[in-house]
Amino acid sequence: MAAMAAGLGGSLRAKSAITPGQGPTLVDMSLSPDDAHRVPIESVRCGDPIYDADGGCQHYKVLEARPIPGGGVVMELECLQNNQCQVIEKSFPQGYLVGRSTRHFL
C-alpha cells in the first residue's frame, strides 16, 4: 500500500486508533437526544413510563404522585431491579425534569 501511495505522490503512515495517554471518552447521558422529551415532574401522571436521566437513567412506571406542600412531588414508582419488580417511593424537587420513556417493561 505504501508503494501505491508513493506512486501517487503521497505517503501513508499507520495511525493508532487510540493515542497514547488518552483515556476512554465519557458521555454525559443527561445531555442525550431525548432532551426534547423531558418534562417537569409535576406534569407526570399515574401510569406514565418515565426515566430519570439525571439519576442513573433508571426506568419507572408511575403508580402514584402526591404533591409536597411547598413544592415538589413524592411518587410511588415501579421499576425492575435484578429482573425483579420493585415498588419504591421517591421524592423530586419542584421543576425536576424527567424523560418520557418509550419502554413499557411491566
PDB file of N, CA and C in Angstrom:
ATOM      1  N   MET A   1       0.822  -1.170   0.000  1.00  0.00           N
ATOM      2  CA  MET A   1       0.000   0.000   0.000  1.00  0.00           C
ATOM      3  C   MET A   1       0.879   1.251   0.000  1.00  0.00           C
ATOM      4  N   ALA A   2       1.995   1.210   0.755  1.00  0.00           N
ATOM      5  CA  ALA A   2       2.915   2.351   0.775  1.00  0.00           C
ATOM      6  C   ALA A   2       3.474   2.602  -0.615  1.00  0.00           C
ATOM      7  N   ALA A   3       3.728   1.505  -1.381  1.00  0.00           N
ATOM      8  CA  ALA A   3       4.239   1.655  -2.741  1.00  0.00           C
ATOM      9  C   ALA A   3       3.195   2.335  -3.613  1.00  0.00           C
ATOM     10  N   MET A   4       1.915   1.977  -3.412  1.00  0.00           N
ATOM     11  CA  MET A   4       0.841   2.595  -4.181  1.00  0.00           C
ATOM     12  C   MET A   4       0.758   4.087  -3.856  1.00  0.00           C
ATOM     13  N   ALA A   5       0.847   4.428  -2.560  1.00  0.00           N
ATOM     14  CA  ALA A   5       0.790   5.824  -2.150  1.00  0.00           C
ATOM     15  C   ALA A   5       1.986   6.596  -2.677  1.00  0.00           C
ATOM     16  N   ALA A   6       3.174   5.972  -2.663  1.00  0.00           N
ATOM     17  CA  ALA A   6       4.377   6.630  -3.183  1.00  0.00           C
ATOM     18  C   ALA A   6       4.218   6.881  -4.678  1.00  0.00           C
ATOM     19  N   GLY A   7       3.558   5.935  -5.375  1.00  0.00           N
ATOM     20  CA  GLY A   7       3.325   6.101  -6.802  1.00  0.00           C
ATOM     21  C   GLY A   7       2.350   7.237  -7.082  1.00  0.00           C
ATOM     22  N   LEU A   8       1.481   7.557  -6.116  1.00  0.00           N
ATOM     23  CA  LEU A   8       0.517   8.635  -6.284  1.00  0.00           C
ATOM     24  C   LEU A   8       1.057   9.961  -5.764  1.00  0.00           C
ATOM     25  N   GLY A   9       2.320   9.945  -5.309  1.00  0.00           N
ATOM     26  CA  GLY A   9       2.926  11.177  -4.841  1.00  0.00           C
ATOM     27  C   GLY A   9       2.693  11.453  -3.371  1.00  0.00           C
ATOM     28  N   GLY A  10       2.233  10.476  -2.608  1.00  0.00           N
ATOM     29  CA  GLY A  10       1.991  10.688  -1.174  1.00  0.00           C
ATOM     30  C   GLY A  10       2.612   9.584  -0.371  1.00  0.00           C
ATOM     31  N   SER A  11       2.421   9.617   0.871  1.00  0.00           N
ATOM     32  CA  SER A  11       2.904   8.543   1.733  1.00  0.00           C
ATOM     33  C   SER A  11       1.840   8.222   2.763  1.00  0.00           C
ATOM     34  N   LEU A  12       1.794   6.996   3.176  1.00  0.00           N
ATOM     35  CA  LEU A  12       0.837   6.544   4.184  1.00  0.00           C
ATOM     36  C   LEU A  12       1.576   6.198   5.460  1.00  0.00           C
ATOM     37  N   ARG A  13       1.015   6.598   6.556  1.00  0.00           N
ATOM     38  CA  ARG A  13       1.559   6.213   7.855  1.00  0.00           C
ATOM     39  C   ARG A  13       0.459   5.518   8.636  1.00  0.00           C
ATOM     40  N   ALA A  14       0.836   4.496   9.340  1.00  0.00           N
ATOM     41  CA  ALA A  14      -0.137   3.800  10.178  1.00  0.00           C
ATOM     42  C   ALA A  14      -0.527   4.703  11.329  1.00  0.00           C
ATOM     43  N   LYS A  15      -1.824   4.817  11.585  1.00  0.00           N
ATOM     44  CA  LYS A  15      -2.309   5.622  12.698  1.00  0.00           C
ATOM     45  C   LYS A  15      -2.921   4.693  13.730  1.00  0.00           C
ATOM     46  N   SER A  16      -2.610   4.960  14.950  1.00  0.00           N
ATOM     47  CA  SER A  16      -3.181   4.191  16.044  1.00  0.00           C
ATOM     48  C   SER A  16      -4.602   4.698  16.304  1.00  0.00           C
ATOM     49  N   ALA A  17      -5.508   3.786  16.587  1.00  0.00           N
ATOM     50  CA  ALA A  17      -6.877   4.175  16.896  1.00  0.00           C
ATOM     51  C   ALA A  17      -6.946   4.902  18.235  1.00  0.00           C
ATOM     52  N   ILE A  18      -6.040   4.584  19.140  1.00  0.00           N
ATOM     53  CA  ILE A  18      -6.017   5.217  20.452  1.00  0.00           C
ATOM     54  C   ILE A  18      -4.669   5.892  20.624  1.00  0.00           C
ATOM     55  N   THR A  19      -4.709   7.158  20.914  1.00  0.00           N
ATOM     56  CA  THR A  19      -3.481   7.907  21.136  1.00  0.00           C
ATOM     57  C   THR A  19      -2.956   7.580  22.526  1.00  0.00           C
ATOM     58  N   PRO A  20      -1.654   7.329  22.672  1.00  0.00           N
ATOM     59  CA  PRO A  20      -1.110   7.026  23.995  1.00  0.00           C
ATOM     60  C   PRO A  20      -1.456   8.118  25.001  1.00  0.00           C
ATOM     61  N   GLY A  21      -1.854   7.693  26.195  1.00  0.00           N
ATOM     62  CA  GLY A  21      -2.186   8.627  27.259  1.00  0.00           C
ATOM     63  C   GLY A  21      -3.620   9.125  27.212  1.00  0.00           C
ATOM     64  N   GLN A  22      -4.350   8.756  26.178  1.00  0.00           N
ATOM     65  CA  GLN A  22      -5.726   9.198  26.066  1.00  0.00           C
ATOM     66  C   GLN A  22      -6.642   8.115  26.619  1.00  0.00           C
ATOM     67  N   GLY A  23      -7.496   8.472  27.564  1.00  0.00           N
ATOM     68  CA  GLY A  23      -8.399   7.511  28.189  1.00  0.00           C
ATOM     69  C   GLY A  23      -9.693   7.375  27.414  1.00  0.00           C
ATOM     70  N   PRO A  24     -10.611   6.586  27.932  1.00  0.00           N
ATOM     71  CA  PRO A  24     -11.896   6.402  27.260  1.00  0.00           C
ATOM     72  C   PRO A  24     -12.700   7.704  27.271  1.00  0.00           C
ATOM     73  N   THR A  25     -13.566   7.850  26.319  1.00  0.00           N
ATOM     74  CA  THR A  25     -14.428   9.019  26.236  1.00  0.00           C
ATOM     75  C   THR A  25     -15.647   8.794  27.101  1.00  0.00           C
ATOM     76  N   LEU A  26     -15.947   9.754  27.960  1.00  0.00           N
ATOM     77  CA  LEU A  26     -17.123   9.675  28.814  1.00  0.00           C
ATOM     78  C   LEU A  26     -18.249  10.462  28.167  1.00  0.00           C
ATOM     79  N   VAL A  27     -19.449   9.920  28.220  1.00  0.00           N
ATOM     80  CA  VAL A  27     -20.599  10.559  27.614  1.00  0.00           C
ATOM     81  C   VAL A  27     -21.536  11.016  28.719  1.00  0.00           C
ATOM     82  N   ASP A  28     -21.984  12.251  28.644  1.00  0.00           N
ATOM     83  CA  ASP A  28     -22.934  12.786  29.611  1.00  0.00           C
ATOM     84  C   ASP A  28     -24.333  12.375  29.174  1.00  0.00           C
ATOM     85  N   MET A  29     -24.919  11.403  29.865  1.00  0.00           N
ATOM     86  CA  MET A  29     -26.227  10.883  29.487  1.00  0.00           C
ATOM     87  C   MET A  29     -27.338  11.903  29.687  1.00  0.00           C
ATOM     88  N   SER A  30     -27.121  12.892  30.551  1.00  0.00           N
ATOM     89  CA  SER A  30     -28.165  13.874  30.798  1.00  0.00           C
ATOM     90  C   SER A  30     -28.343  14.809  29.605  1.00  0.00           C
ATOM     91  N   LEU A  31     -27.385  14.830  28.685  1.00  0.00           N
ATOM     92  CA  LEU A  31     -27.486  15.673  27.503  1.00  0.00           C
ATOM     93  C   LEU A  31     -27.787  14.830  26.272  1.00  0.00           C
ATOM     94  N   SER A  32     -28.653  13.869  26.443  1.00  0.00           N
ATOM     95  CA  SER A  32     -28.978  12.942  25.370  1.00  0.00           C
ATOM     96  C   SER A  32     -29.911  13.593  24.354  1.00  0.00           C
ATOM     97  N   PRO A  33     -30.086  12.951  23.200  1.00  0.00           N
ATOM     98  CA  PRO A  33     -31.026  13.481  22.205  1.00  0.00           C
ATOM     99  C   PRO A  33     -32.464  13.471  22.706  1.00  0.00           C
ATOM    100  N   ASP A  34     -32.704  12.798  23.839  1.00  0.00           N
ATOM    101  CA  ASP A  34     -34.051  12.730  24.391  1.00  0.00           C
ATOM    102  C   ASP A  34     -34.436  13.989  25.149  1.00  0.00           C
ATOM    103  N   ASP A  35     -33.579  15.026  25.140  1.00  0.00           N
ATOM    104  CA  ASP A  35     -33.880  16.254  25.866  1.00  0.00           C
ATOM    105  C   ASP A  35     -35.232  16.835  25.446  1.00  0.00           C
ATOM    106  N   ALA A  36     -35.632  16.629  24.209  1.00  0.00           N
ATOM    107  CA  ALA A  36     -36.912  17.150  23.732  1.00  0.00           C
ATOM    108  C   ALA A  36     -38.076  16.449  24.428  1.00  0.00           C
ATOM    109  N   HIS A  37     -37.848  15.272  24.999  1.00  0.00           N
ATOM    110  CA  HIS A  37     -38.912  14.509  25.644  1.00  0.00           C
ATOM    111  C   HIS A  37     -38.913  14.693  27.157  1.00  0.00           C
ATOM    112  N   ARG A  38     -38.139  15.629  27.661  1.00  0.00           N
ATOM    113  CA  ARG A  38     -38.109  15.877  29.100  1.00  0.00           C
ATOM    114  C   ARG A  38     -39.280  16.767  29.500  1.00  0.00           C
ATOM    115  N   VAL A  39     -39.840  16.431  30.644  1.00  0.00           N
ATOM    116  CA  VAL A  39     -40.993  17.179  31.151  1.00  0.00           C
ATOM    117  C   VAL A  39     -40.797  17.438  32.639  1.00  0.00           C
ATOM    118  N   PRO A  40     -41.407  18.515  33.153  1.00  0.00           N
ATOM    119  CA  PRO A  40     -41.345  18.756  34.601  1.00  0.00           C
ATOM    120  C   PRO A  40     -42.064  17.632  35.346  1.00  0.00           C
ATOM    121  N   ILE A  41     -41.543  17.285  36.480  1.00  0.00           N
ATOM    122  CA  ILE A  41     -42.094  16.175  37.265  1.00  0.00           C
ATOM    123  C   ILE A  41     -43.572  16.399  37.611  1.00  0.00           C
ATOM    124  N   GLU A  42     -43.979  17.648  37.718  1.00  0.00           N
ATOM    125  CA  GLU A  42     -45.377  17.959  38.068  1.00  0.00           C
ATOM    126  C   GLU A  42     -46.358  17.558  36.972  1.00  0.00           C
ATOM    127  N   SER A  43     -45.888  17.400  35.730  1.00  0.00           N
ATOM    128  CA  SER A  43     -46.791  17.047  34.630  1.00  0.00           C
ATOM    129  C   SER A  43     -46.902  15.540  34.412  1.00  0.00           C
ATOM    130  N   VAL A  44     -46.170  14.754  35.187  1.00  0.00           N
ATOM    131  CA  VAL A  44     -46.218  13.292  35.057  1.00  0.00           C
ATOM    132  C   VAL A  44     -47.462  12.768  35.767  1.00  0.00           C
ATOM    133  N   ARG A  45     -48.138  11.820  35.149  1.00  0.00           N
ATOM    134  CA  ARG A  45     -49.381  11.263  35.698  1.00  0.00           C
ATOM    135  C   ARG A  45     -49.229   9.767  35.973  1.00  0.00           C
ATOM    136  N   CYS A  46     -50.149   9.245  36.759  1.00  0.00           N
ATOM    137  CA  CYS A  46     -50.157   7.813  37.076  1.00  0.00           C
ATOM    138  C   CYS A  46     -50.229   7.000  35.780  1.00  0.00           C
ATOM    139  N   GLY A  47     -49.407   5.957  35.717  1.00  0.00           N
ATOM    140  CA  GLY A  47     -49.356   5.084  34.557  1.00  0.00           C
ATOM    141  C   GLY A  47     -48.305   5.493  33.534  1.00  0.00           C
ATOM    142  N   ASP A  48     -47.764   6.713  33.661  1.00  0.00           N
ATOM    143  CA  ASP A  48     -46.753   7.175  32.703  1.00  0.00           C
ATOM    144  C   ASP A  48     -45.447   6.407  32.873  1.00  0.00           C
ATOM    145  N   PRO A  49     -44.839   5.967  31.775  1.00  0.00           N
ATOM    146  CA  PRO A  49     -43.487   5.407  31.844  1.00  0.00           C
ATOM    147  C   PRO A  49     -42.488   6.570  31.771  1.00  0.00           C
ATOM    148  N   ILE A  50     -41.576   6.655  32.735  1.00  0.00           N
ATOM    149  CA  ILE A  50     -40.588   7.734  32.765  1.00  0.00           C
ATOM    150  C   ILE A  50     -39.209   7.157  33.022  1.00  0.00           C
ATOM    151  N   TYR A  51     -38.177   7.980  32.827  1.00  0.00           N
ATOM    152  CA  TYR A  51     -36.842   7.614  33.262  1.00  0.00           C
ATOM    153  C   TYR A  51     -36.169   8.836  33.843  1.00  0.00           C
ATOM    154  N   ASP A  52     -35.305   8.587  34.786  1.00  0.00           N
ATOM    155  CA  ASP A  52     -34.596   9.647  35.491  1.00  0.00           C
ATOM    156  C   ASP A  52     -33.229   9.815  34.851  1.00  0.00           C
ATOM    157  N   ALA A  53     -33.136  10.667  33.838  1.00  0.00           N
ATOM    158  CA  ALA A  53     -31.897  10.840  33.076  1.00  0.00           C
ATOM    159  C   ALA A  53     -30.772  11.400  33.926  1.00  0.00           C
ATOM    160  N   ASP A  54     -31.101  12.159  34.950  1.00  0.00           N
ATOM    161  CA  ASP A  54     -30.069  12.741  35.806  1.00  0.00           C
ATOM    162  C   ASP A  54     -29.782  11.882  37.030  1.00  0.00           C
ATOM    163  N   GLY A  55     -30.491  10.803  37.176  1.00  0.00           N
ATOM    164  CA  GLY A  55     -30.318   9.958  38.353  1.00  0.00           C
ATOM    165  C   GLY A  55     -30.051   8.509  38.014  1.00  0.00           C
ATOM    166  N   GLY A  56     -29.203   8.248  37.028  1.00  0.00           N
ATOM    167  CA  GLY A  56     -28.816   6.885  36.700  1.00  0.00           C
ATOM    168  C   GLY A  56     -29.580   6.265  35.553  1.00  0.00           C
ATOM    169  N   CYS A  57     -30.472   7.020  34.927  1.00  0.00           N
ATOM    170  CA  CYS A  57     -31.247   6.538  33.767  1.00  0.00           C
ATOM    171  C   CYS A  57     -32.133   5.336  34.086  1.00  0.00           C
ATOM    172  N   GLN A  58     -32.552   5.209  35.313  1.00  0.00           N
ATOM    173  CA  GLN A  58     -33.459   4.127  35.698  1.00  0.00           C
ATOM    174  C   GLN A  58     -34.843   4.389  35.110  1.00  0.00           C
ATOM    175  N   HIS A  59     -35.479   3.355  34.579  1.00  0.00           N
ATOM    176  CA  HIS A  59     -36.823   3.466  34.025  1.00  0.00           C
ATOM    177  C   HIS A  59     -37.843   3.089  35.087  1.00  0.00           C
ATOM    178  N   TYR A  60     -38.961   3.813  35.112  1.00  0.00           N
ATOM    179  CA  TYR A  60     -40.013   3.613  36.101  1.00  0.00           C
ATOM    180  C   TYR A  60     -41.382   3.673  35.441  1.00  0.00           C
ATOM    181  N   LYS A  61     -42.352   3.112  36.137  1.00  0.00           N
ATOM    182  CA  LYS A  61     -43.757   3.326  35.810  1.00  0.00           C
ATOM    183  C   LYS A  61     -44.344   4.027  37.021  1.00  0.00           C
ATOM    184  N   VAL A  62     -45.011   5.150  36.807  1.00  0.00           N
ATOM    185  CA  VAL A  62     -45.580   5.932  37.909  1.00  0.00           C
ATOM    186  C   VAL A  62     -46.858   5.253  38.391  1.00  0.00           C
ATOM    187  N   LEU A  63     -46.878   4.914  39.675  1.00  0.00           N
ATOM    188  CA  LEU A  63     -48.074   4.310  40.265  1.00  0.00           C
ATOM    189  C   LEU A  63     -48.935   5.350  40.965  1.00  0.00           C
ATOM    190  N   GLU A  64     -48.282   6.318  41.613  1.00  0.00           N
ATOM    191  CA  GLU A  64     -48.995   7.364  42.329  1.00  0.00           C
ATOM    192  C   GLU A  64     -48.099   8.590  42.432  1.00  0.00           C
ATOM    193  N   ALA A  65     -48.705   9.762  42.359  1.00  0.00           N
ATOM    194  CA  ALA A  65     -47.964  11.019  42.509  1.00  0.00           C
ATOM    195  C   ALA A  65     -48.713  11.916  43.485  1.00  0.00           C
ATOM    196  N   ARG A  66     -47.997  12.406  44.500  1.00  0.00           N
ATOM    197  CA  ARG A  66     -48.593  13.291  45.507  1.00  0.00           C
ATOM    198  C   ARG A  66     -47.756  14.564  45.616  1.00  0.00           C
ATOM    199  N   PRO A  67     -48.392  15.734  45.522  1.00  0.00           N
ATOM    200  CA  PRO A  67     -47.634  16.975  45.672  1.00  0.00           C
ATOM    201  C   PRO A  67     -47.159  17.143  47.122  1.00  0.00           C
ATOM    202  N   ILE A  68     -46.001  17.767  47.280  1.00  0.00           N
ATOM    203  CA  ILE A  68     -45.450  18.068  48.599  1.00  0.00           C
ATOM    204  C   ILE A  68     -45.785  19.527  48.906  1.00  0.00           C
ATOM    205  N   PRO A  69     -46.337  19.814  50.094  1.00  0.00           N
ATOM    206  CA  PRO A  69     -46.589  21.215  50.444  1.00  0.00           C
ATOM    207  C   PRO A  69     -45.291  22.019  50.339  1.00  0.00           C
ATOM    208  N   GLY A  70     -45.351  23.143  49.645  1.00  0.00           N
ATOM    209  CA  GLY A  70     -44.157  23.963  49.455  1.00  0.00           C
ATOM    210  C   GLY A  70     -43.427  23.661  48.158  1.00  0.00           C
ATOM    211  N   GLY A  71     -43.869  22.666  47.406  1.00  0.00           N
ATOM    212  CA  GLY A  71     -43.264  22.356  46.111  1.00  0.00           C
ATOM    213  C   GLY A  71     -42.612  20.995  46.071  1.00  0.00           C
ATOM    214  N   GLY A  72     -42.677  20.380  44.930  1.00  0.00           N
ATOM    215  CA  GLY A  72     -42.108  19.050  44.739  1.00  0.00           C
ATOM    216  C   GLY A  72     -43.181  17.984  44.680  1.00  0.00           C
ATOM    217  N   VAL A  73     -42.742  16.763  44.443  1.00  0.00           N
ATOM    218  CA  VAL A  73     -43.663  15.637  44.279  1.00  0.00           C
ATOM    219  C   VAL A  73     -43.048  14.396  44.915  1.00  0.00           C
ATOM    220  N   VAL A  74     -43.890  13.610  45.593  1.00  0.00           N
ATOM    221  CA  VAL A  74     -43.494  12.279  46.064  1.00  0.00           C
ATOM    222  C   VAL A  74     -44.203  11.286  45.161  1.00  0.00           C
ATOM    223  N   MET A  75     -43.435  10.325  44.635  1.00  0.00           N
ATOM    224  CA  MET A  75     -44.010   9.348  43.713  1.00  0.00           C
ATOM    225  C   MET A  75     -43.773   7.933  44.185  1.00  0.00           C
ATOM    226  N   GLU A  76     -44.781   7.127  43.958  1.00  0.00           N
ATOM    227  CA  GLU A  76     -44.632   5.687  44.131  1.00  0.00           C
ATOM    228  C   GLU A  76     -44.354   5.153  42.725  1.00  0.00           C
ATOM    229  N   LEU A  77     -43.211   4.492  42.585  1.00  0.00           N
ATOM    230  CA  LEU A  77     -42.732   4.070  41.273  1.00  0.00           C
ATOM    231  C   LEU A  77     -42.481   2.573  41.227  1.00  0.00           C
ATOM    232  N   GLU A  78     -42.777   1.981  40.100  1.00  0.00           N
ATOM    233  CA  GLU A  78     -42.500   0.574  39.857  1.00  0.00           C
ATOM    234  C   GLU A  78     -41.272   0.496  38.953  1.00  0.00           C
ATOM    235  N   CYS A  79     -40.320  -0.357  39.307  1.00  0.00           N
ATOM    236  CA  CYS A  79     -39.114  -0.489  38.494  1.00  0.00           C
ATOM    237  C   CYS A  79     -38.629  -1.936  38.526  1.00  0.00           C
ATOM    238  N   LEU A  80     -37.696  -2.227  37.641  1.00  0.00           N
ATOM    239  CA  LEU A  80     -37.067  -3.547  37.614  1.00  0.00           C
ATOM    240  C   LEU A  80     -35.674  -3.433  38.214  1.00  0.00           C
ATOM    241  N   GLN A  81     -35.371  -4.275  39.183  1.00  0.00           N
ATOM    242  CA  GLN A  81     -34.041  -4.376  39.775  1.00  0.00           C
ATOM    243  C   GLN A  81     -33.663  -5.848  39.773  1.00  0.00           C
ATOM    244  N   ASN A  82     -32.576  -6.191  39.106  1.00  0.00           N
ATOM    245  CA  ASN A  82     -32.126  -7.588  39.024  1.00  0.00           C
ATOM    246  C   ASN A  82     -33.239  -8.510  38.531  1.00  0.00           C
ATOM    247  N   ASN A  83     -33.953  -8.038  37.491  1.00  0.00           N
ATOM    248  CA  ASN A  83     -35.049  -8.792  36.873  1.00  0.00           C
ATOM    249  C   ASN A  83     -36.207  -9.062  37.820  1.00  0.00           C
ATOM    250  N   GLN A  84     -36.339  -8.258  38.863  1.00  0.00           N
ATOM    251  CA  GLN A  84     -37.464  -8.383  39.789  1.00  0.00           C
ATOM    252  C   GLN A  84     -38.178  -7.041  39.879  1.00  0.00           C
ATOM    253  N   CYS A  85     -39.492  -7.103  39.917  1.00  0.00           N
ATOM    254  CA  CYS A  85     -40.297  -5.895  40.030  1.00  0.00           C
ATOM    255  C   CYS A  85     -40.229  -5.382  41.472  1.00  0.00           C
ATOM    256  N   GLN A  86     -39.985  -4.073  41.612  1.00  0.00           N
ATOM    257  CA  GLN A  86     -39.952  -3.448  42.931  1.00  0.00           C
ATOM    258  C   GLN A  86     -40.788  -2.181  42.898  1.00  0.00           C
ATOM    259  N   VAL A  87     -41.366  -1.846  44.031  1.00  0.00           N
ATOM    260  CA  VAL A  87     -42.088  -0.595  44.178  1.00  0.00           C
ATOM    261  C   VAL A  87     -41.313   0.249  45.175  1.00  0.00           C
ATOM    262  N   ILE A  88     -40.983   1.467  44.755  1.00  0.00           N
ATOM    263  CA  ILE A  88     -40.223   2.368  45.611  1.00  0.00           C
ATOM    264  C   ILE A  88     -40.951   3.702  45.715  1.00  0.00           C
ATOM    265  N   GLU A  89     -40.599   4.473  46.719  1.00  0.00           N
ATOM    266  CA  GLU A  89     -41.105   5.834  46.851  1.00  0.00           C
ATOM    267  C   GLU A  89     -39.923   6.768  46.691  1.00  0.00           C
ATOM    268  N   LYS A  90     -40.105   7.798  45.886  1.00  0.00           N
ATOM    269  CA  LYS A  90     -39.012   8.722  45.604  1.00  0.00           C
ATOM    270  C   LYS A  90     -39.575  10.132  45.564  1.00  0.00           C
ATOM    271  N   SER A  91     -38.824  11.081  46.126  1.00  0.00           N
ATOM    272  CA  SER A  91     -39.275  12.473  46.086  1.00  0.00           C
ATOM    273  C   SER A  91     -38.425  13.264  45.097  1.00  0.00           C
ATOM    274  N   PHE A  92     -39.054  14.240  44.463  1.00  0.00           N
ATOM    275  CA  PHE A  92     -38.400  15.081  43.464  1.00  0.00           C
ATOM    276  C   PHE A  92     -38.679  16.538  43.797  1.00  0.00           C
ATOM    277  N   PRO A  93     -37.691  17.416  43.631  1.00  0.00           N
ATOM    278  CA  PRO A  93     -37.925  18.839  43.868  1.00  0.00           C
ATOM    279  C   PRO A  93     -38.801  19.439  42.761  1.00  0.00           C
ATOM    280  N   GLN A  94     -39.417  20.559  43.070  1.00  0.00           N
ATOM    281  CA  GLN A  94     -40.260  21.250  42.102  1.00  0.00           C
ATOM    282  C   GLN A  94     -39.458  21.586  40.847  1.00  0.00           C
ATOM    283  N   GLY A  95     -40.037  21.330  39.677  1.00  0.00           N
ATOM    284  CA  GLY A  95     -39.400  21.643  38.406  1.00  0.00           C
ATOM    285  C   GLY A  95     -38.392  20.619  37.914  1.00  0.00           C
ATOM    286  N   TYR A  96     -38.168  19.534  38.670  1.00  0.00           N
ATOM    287  CA  TYR A  96     -37.223  18.492  38.254  1.00  0.00           C
ATOM    288  C   TYR A  96     -37.681  17.902  36.932  1.00  0.00           C
ATOM    289  N   LEU A  97     -36.753  17.696  36.001  1.00  0.00           N
ATOM    290  CA  LEU A  97     -37.100  17.176  34.681  1.00  0.00           C
ATOM    291  C   LEU A  97     -36.824  15.677  34.592  1.00  0.00           C
ATOM    292  N   VAL A  98     -37.810  14.947  34.079  1.00  0.00           N
ATOM    293  CA  VAL A  98     -37.659  13.515  33.817  1.00  0.00           C
ATOM    294  C   VAL A  98     -37.957  13.277  32.349  1.00  0.00           C
ATOM    295  N   GLY A  99     -37.468  12.172  31.830  1.00  0.00           N
ATOM    296  CA  GLY A  99     -37.718  11.824  30.435  1.00  0.00           C
ATOM    297  C   GLY A  99     -38.936  10.946  30.300  1.00  0.00           C
ATOM    298  N   ARG A 100     -39.665  11.152  29.236  1.00  0.00           N
ATOM    299  CA  ARG A 100     -40.767  10.241  28.922  1.00  0.00           C
ATOM    300  C   ARG A 100     -40.154   9.014  28.273  1.00  0.00           C
ATOM    301  N   SER A 101     -40.378   7.872  28.872  1.00  0.00           N
ATOM    302  CA  SER A 101     -39.769   6.641  28.404  1.00  0.00           C
ATOM    303  C   SER A 101     -40.609   5.992  27.321  1.00  0.00           C
ATOM    304  N   THR A 102     -39.934   5.321  26.409  1.00  0.00           N
ATOM    305  CA  THR A 102     -40.646   4.528  25.404  1.00  0.00           C
ATOM    306  C   THR A 102     -40.715   3.072  25.818  1.00  0.00           C
ATOM    307  N   ARG A 103     -40.083   2.745  26.948  1.00  0.00           N
ATOM    308  CA  ARG A 103     -40.103   1.361  27.444  1.00  0.00           C
ATOM    309  C   ARG A 103     -41.382   1.100  28.216  1.00  0.00           C
ATOM    310  N   HIS A 104     -41.975   0.004  27.905  1.00  0.00           N
ATOM    311  CA  HIS A 104     -43.131  -0.478  28.660  1.00  0.00           C
ATOM    312  C   HIS A 104     -42.759  -1.861  29.155  1.00  0.00           C
ATOM    313  N   PHE A 105     -41.980  -1.884  30.232  1.00  0.00           N
ATOM    314  CA  PHE A 105     -41.383  -3.137  30.682  1.00  0.00           C
ATOM    315  C   PHE A 105     -42.251  -3.911  31.642  1.00  0.00           C
ATOM    316  N   LEU A 106     -43.318  -3.309  32.163  1.00  0.00           N
ATOM    317  CA  LEU A 106     -44.144  -4.019  33.146  1.00  0.00           C
ATOM    318  C   LEU A 106     -45.549  -4.199  32.665  1.00  0.00           C
TER     319      LEU A 106
END
